[in-house]
Amino acid sequence: MKPRLRRGVRLSYDHVRQRTVVLHPEGVVMPNETALAVLERCDGRTTAAGIAAALGEIYRGVRQQDVDAVVERMRQRGLLEMVP
């Protein structure tokens, strides 16, 4: 399964807060840098394992279980959905 942003959810740069936020119908989420790096790669084409591998090429110490945990938390919040 591959994570992607749910319909109505998008990443947007907030000039007031000077950071990227997640806009969704129920409000705004301000993810930390780790969660943002994962969310930016949730395109519905890449698996969580693929996201972990891509992040591992940029950052040291990226663990698959950490990416899985971020994806699951964001899914539970209604920001992500899993697609085949």
N, C-alpha and C. Protein backbone atom coordinates (compact mmCIF):
# COMPACT_ATOMS: atom_id res chain seq x y z
N MET A 1 0.84 -1.18 0.00
CA MET A 1 0.00 0.00 0.00
C MET A 1 0.90 1.26 0.00
N LYS A 2 0.36 2.29 -0.61
CA LYS A 2 1.13 3.52 -0.78
C LYS A 2 0.34 4.70 -0.18
N PRO A 3 0.98 5.49 0.66
CA PRO A 3 0.28 6.63 1.27
C PRO A 3 0.20 7.82 0.32
N ARG A 4 -0.91 8.53 0.41
CA ARG A 4 -1.05 9.80 -0.31
C ARG A 4 -1.93 10.73 0.52
N LEU A 5 -1.80 12.02 0.26
CA LEU A 5 -2.64 12.99 0.96
C LEU A 5 -4.09 12.75 0.56
N ARG A 6 -4.98 12.82 1.53
CA ARG A 6 -6.40 12.65 1.24
C ARG A 6 -6.91 13.83 0.43
N ARG A 7 -8.01 13.63 -0.21
CA ARG A 7 -8.65 14.72 -0.97
C ARG A 7 -8.95 15.87 -0.01
N GLY A 8 -8.65 17.07 -0.43
CA GLY A 8 -8.88 18.25 0.41
C GLY A 8 -7.72 18.59 1.33
N VAL A 9 -6.67 17.77 1.30
CA VAL A 9 -5.50 18.01 2.16
C VAL A 9 -4.35 18.44 1.25
N ARG A 10 -3.64 19.49 1.68
CA ARG A 10 -2.50 19.92 0.87
C ARG A 10 -1.45 20.57 1.76
N LEU A 11 -0.24 20.53 1.25
CA LEU A 11 0.87 21.21 1.91
C LEU A 11 0.94 22.62 1.36
N SER A 12 1.17 23.57 2.24
CA SER A 12 1.21 24.97 1.82
C SER A 12 2.21 25.72 2.70
N TYR A 13 2.93 26.64 2.08
CA TYR A 13 3.86 27.45 2.86
C TYR A 13 3.08 28.61 3.49
N ASP A 14 3.18 28.72 4.80
CA ASP A 14 2.51 29.78 5.55
C ASP A 14 3.53 30.89 5.79
N HIS A 15 3.33 32.04 5.14
CA HIS A 15 4.29 33.14 5.24
C HIS A 15 4.30 33.77 6.62
N VAL A 16 3.17 33.75 7.31
CA VAL A 16 3.13 34.31 8.66
C VAL A 16 3.97 33.46 9.62
N ARG A 17 3.78 32.14 9.55
CA ARG A 17 4.52 31.23 10.44
C ARG A 17 5.91 30.91 9.90
N GLN A 18 6.14 31.24 8.63
CA GLN A 18 7.40 30.96 7.94
C GLN A 18 7.76 29.48 8.00
N ARG A 19 6.76 28.65 7.66
CA ARG A 19 6.96 27.21 7.63
C ARG A 19 5.87 26.56 6.80
N THR A 20 6.11 25.36 6.38
CA THR A 20 5.12 24.61 5.63
C THR A 20 4.13 23.98 6.61
N VAL A 21 2.86 24.09 6.27
CA VAL A 21 1.79 23.54 7.10
C VAL A 21 0.94 22.60 6.24
N VAL A 22 0.13 21.81 6.90
CA VAL A 22 -0.81 20.94 6.22
C VAL A 22 -2.20 21.55 6.39
N LEU A 23 -2.80 21.91 5.28
CA LEU A 23 -4.15 22.46 5.30
C LEU A 23 -5.12 21.32 5.02
N HIS A 24 -6.18 21.26 5.82
CA HIS A 24 -7.22 20.25 5.60
C HIS A 24 -8.55 20.87 6.01
N PRO A 25 -9.66 20.25 5.60
CA PRO A 25 -10.97 20.87 5.86
C PRO A 25 -11.24 21.20 7.33
N GLU A 26 -10.65 20.44 8.24
CA GLU A 26 -10.89 20.67 9.67
C GLU A 26 -9.93 21.68 10.29
N GLY A 27 -8.90 22.10 9.56
CA GLY A 27 -7.97 23.06 10.15
C GLY A 27 -6.59 23.00 9.55
N VAL A 28 -5.61 23.30 10.40
CA VAL A 28 -4.21 23.37 9.99
C VAL A 28 -3.38 22.52 10.94
N VAL A 29 -2.43 21.79 10.38
CA VAL A 29 -1.49 21.00 11.18
C VAL A 29 -0.10 21.54 10.87
N MET A 30 0.70 21.72 11.91
CA MET A 30 2.07 22.17 11.74
C MET A 30 3.01 21.01 12.07
N PRO A 31 3.34 20.21 11.05
CA PRO A 31 4.18 19.04 11.31
C PRO A 31 5.62 19.43 11.61
N ASN A 32 6.29 18.57 12.38
CA ASN A 32 7.72 18.81 12.61
C ASN A 32 8.47 18.47 11.32
N GLU A 33 9.76 18.71 11.30
CA GLU A 33 10.55 18.52 10.08
C GLU A 33 10.53 17.07 9.59
N THR A 34 10.56 16.14 10.53
CA THR A 34 10.55 14.72 10.16
C THR A 34 9.24 14.36 9.48
N ALA A 35 8.13 14.72 10.10
CA ALA A 35 6.82 14.41 9.52
C ALA A 35 6.64 15.10 8.17
N LEU A 36 7.12 16.32 8.06
CA LEU A 36 7.01 17.05 6.80
C LEU A 36 7.79 16.34 5.69
N ALA A 37 8.99 15.87 6.01
CA ALA A 37 9.80 15.16 5.01
C ALA A 37 9.07 13.92 4.51
N VAL A 38 8.37 13.23 5.40
CA VAL A 38 7.59 12.06 5.01
C VAL A 38 6.38 12.49 4.19
N LEU A 39 5.62 13.46 4.67
CA LEU A 39 4.41 13.91 3.97
C LEU A 39 4.70 14.40 2.56
N GLU A 40 5.82 15.06 2.38
CA GLU A 40 6.18 15.56 1.05
C GLU A 40 6.35 14.43 0.04
N ARG A 41 6.60 13.24 0.53
CA ARG A 41 6.85 12.10 -0.35
C ARG A 41 5.65 11.16 -0.45
N CYS A 42 4.56 11.48 0.18
CA CYS A 42 3.35 10.66 0.13
C CYS A 42 2.56 11.02 -1.12
N ASP A 43 2.94 10.39 -2.23
CA ASP A 43 2.38 10.74 -3.52
C ASP A 43 1.43 9.68 -4.10
N GLY A 44 1.20 8.60 -3.36
CA GLY A 44 0.34 7.54 -3.85
C GLY A 44 1.04 6.60 -4.82
N ARG A 45 2.31 6.84 -5.10
CA ARG A 45 3.09 5.99 -5.98
C ARG A 45 4.24 5.30 -5.24
N THR A 46 4.61 5.85 -4.09
CA THR A 46 5.76 5.37 -3.34
C THR A 46 5.31 4.72 -2.04
N THR A 47 5.83 3.55 -1.76
CA THR A 47 5.50 2.87 -0.50
C THR A 47 6.23 3.55 0.66
N ALA A 48 5.82 3.20 1.87
CA ALA A 48 6.51 3.73 3.04
C ALA A 48 7.97 3.27 3.04
N ALA A 49 8.22 2.06 2.56
CA ALA A 49 9.60 1.56 2.47
C ALA A 49 10.40 2.41 1.48
N GLY A 50 9.77 2.78 0.38
CA GLY A 50 10.43 3.64 -0.61
C GLY A 50 10.71 5.02 -0.06
N ILE A 51 9.78 5.54 0.74
CA ILE A 51 9.97 6.84 1.38
C ILE A 51 11.15 6.76 2.35
N ALA A 52 11.20 5.69 3.14
CA ALA A 52 12.31 5.52 4.09
C ALA A 52 13.64 5.43 3.35
N ALA A 53 13.66 4.71 2.24
CA ALA A 53 14.90 4.58 1.46
C ALA A 53 15.33 5.94 0.90
N ALA A 54 14.37 6.70 0.37
CA ALA A 54 14.70 8.02 -0.18
C ALA A 54 15.23 8.95 0.91
N LEU A 55 14.59 8.92 2.06
CA LEU A 55 15.04 9.77 3.16
C LEU A 55 16.39 9.31 3.69
N GLY A 56 16.64 7.99 3.64
CA GLY A 56 17.93 7.45 4.09
C GLY A 56 19.08 7.92 3.24
N GLU A 57 18.81 8.30 1.99
CA GLU A 57 19.86 8.83 1.12
C GLU A 57 20.20 10.28 1.47
N ILE A 58 19.29 10.94 2.18
CA ILE A 58 19.49 12.35 2.53
C ILE A 58 19.94 12.51 3.98
N TYR A 59 19.31 11.73 4.88
CA TYR A 59 19.57 11.85 6.31
C TYR A 59 20.13 10.55 6.86
N ARG A 60 20.94 10.66 7.88
CA ARG A 60 21.45 9.48 8.57
C ARG A 60 20.43 8.98 9.58
N GLY A 61 20.42 7.70 9.79
CA GLY A 61 19.63 7.12 10.86
C GLY A 61 18.14 6.99 10.60
N VAL A 62 17.72 7.09 9.35
CA VAL A 62 16.29 6.92 9.04
C VAL A 62 15.94 5.45 9.19
N ARG A 63 14.89 5.19 9.98
CA ARG A 63 14.46 3.82 10.20
C ARG A 63 13.07 3.62 9.61
N GLN A 64 12.86 2.47 9.01
CA GLN A 64 11.57 2.14 8.41
C GLN A 64 10.44 2.28 9.43
N GLN A 65 10.66 1.83 10.64
CA GLN A 65 9.60 1.88 11.66
C GLN A 65 9.21 3.32 12.00
N ASP A 66 10.15 4.24 11.91
CA ASP A 66 9.83 5.65 12.18
C ASP A 66 8.95 6.22 11.08
N VAL A 67 9.27 5.89 9.83
CA VAL A 67 8.44 6.34 8.71
C VAL A 67 7.05 5.72 8.83
N ASP A 68 6.99 4.43 9.13
CA ASP A 68 5.69 3.76 9.31
C ASP A 68 4.87 4.44 10.40
N ALA A 69 5.52 4.84 11.48
CA ALA A 69 4.82 5.48 12.59
C ALA A 69 4.26 6.84 12.18
N VAL A 70 5.03 7.62 11.43
CA VAL A 70 4.55 8.92 10.94
C VAL A 70 3.35 8.72 10.02
N VAL A 71 3.48 7.78 9.09
CA VAL A 71 2.38 7.51 8.15
C VAL A 71 1.13 7.10 8.91
N GLU A 72 1.26 6.23 9.88
CA GLU A 72 0.10 5.77 10.63
C GLU A 72 -0.54 6.90 11.44
N ARG A 73 0.28 7.73 12.08
CA ARG A 73 -0.28 8.86 12.85
C ARG A 73 -1.04 9.81 11.93
N MET A 74 -0.47 10.11 10.79
CA MET A 74 -1.13 11.03 9.85
C MET A 74 -2.39 10.40 9.24
N ARG A 75 -2.36 9.09 9.06
CA ARG A 75 -3.54 8.39 8.57
C ARG A 75 -4.65 8.45 9.61
N GLN A 76 -4.30 8.23 10.86
CA GLN A 76 -5.29 8.28 11.94
C GLN A 76 -5.89 9.68 12.09
N ARG A 77 -5.12 10.70 11.78
CA ARG A 77 -5.61 12.08 11.85
C ARG A 77 -6.46 12.45 10.63
N GLY A 78 -6.54 11.54 9.68
CA GLY A 78 -7.34 11.77 8.49
C GLY A 78 -6.65 12.57 7.41
N LEU A 79 -5.33 12.66 7.48
CA LEU A 79 -4.59 13.44 6.50
C LEU A 79 -4.09 12.58 5.33
N LEU A 80 -3.89 11.29 5.59
CA LEU A 80 -3.40 10.38 4.56
C LEU A 80 -4.39 9.25 4.34
N GLU A 81 -4.33 8.70 3.15
CA GLU A 81 -5.05 7.48 2.85
C GLU A 81 -4.07 6.53 2.17
N MET A 82 -4.36 5.26 2.23
CA MET A 82 -3.50 4.25 1.63
C MET A 82 -4.17 3.77 0.35
N VAL A 83 -3.37 3.69 -0.72
CA VAL A 83 -3.88 3.23 -2.01
C VAL A 83 -3.06 2.04 -2.48
N PRO A 84 -3.67 1.17 -3.28
CA PRO A 84 -2.93 -0.02 -3.76
C PRO A 84 -1.78 0.34 -4.68
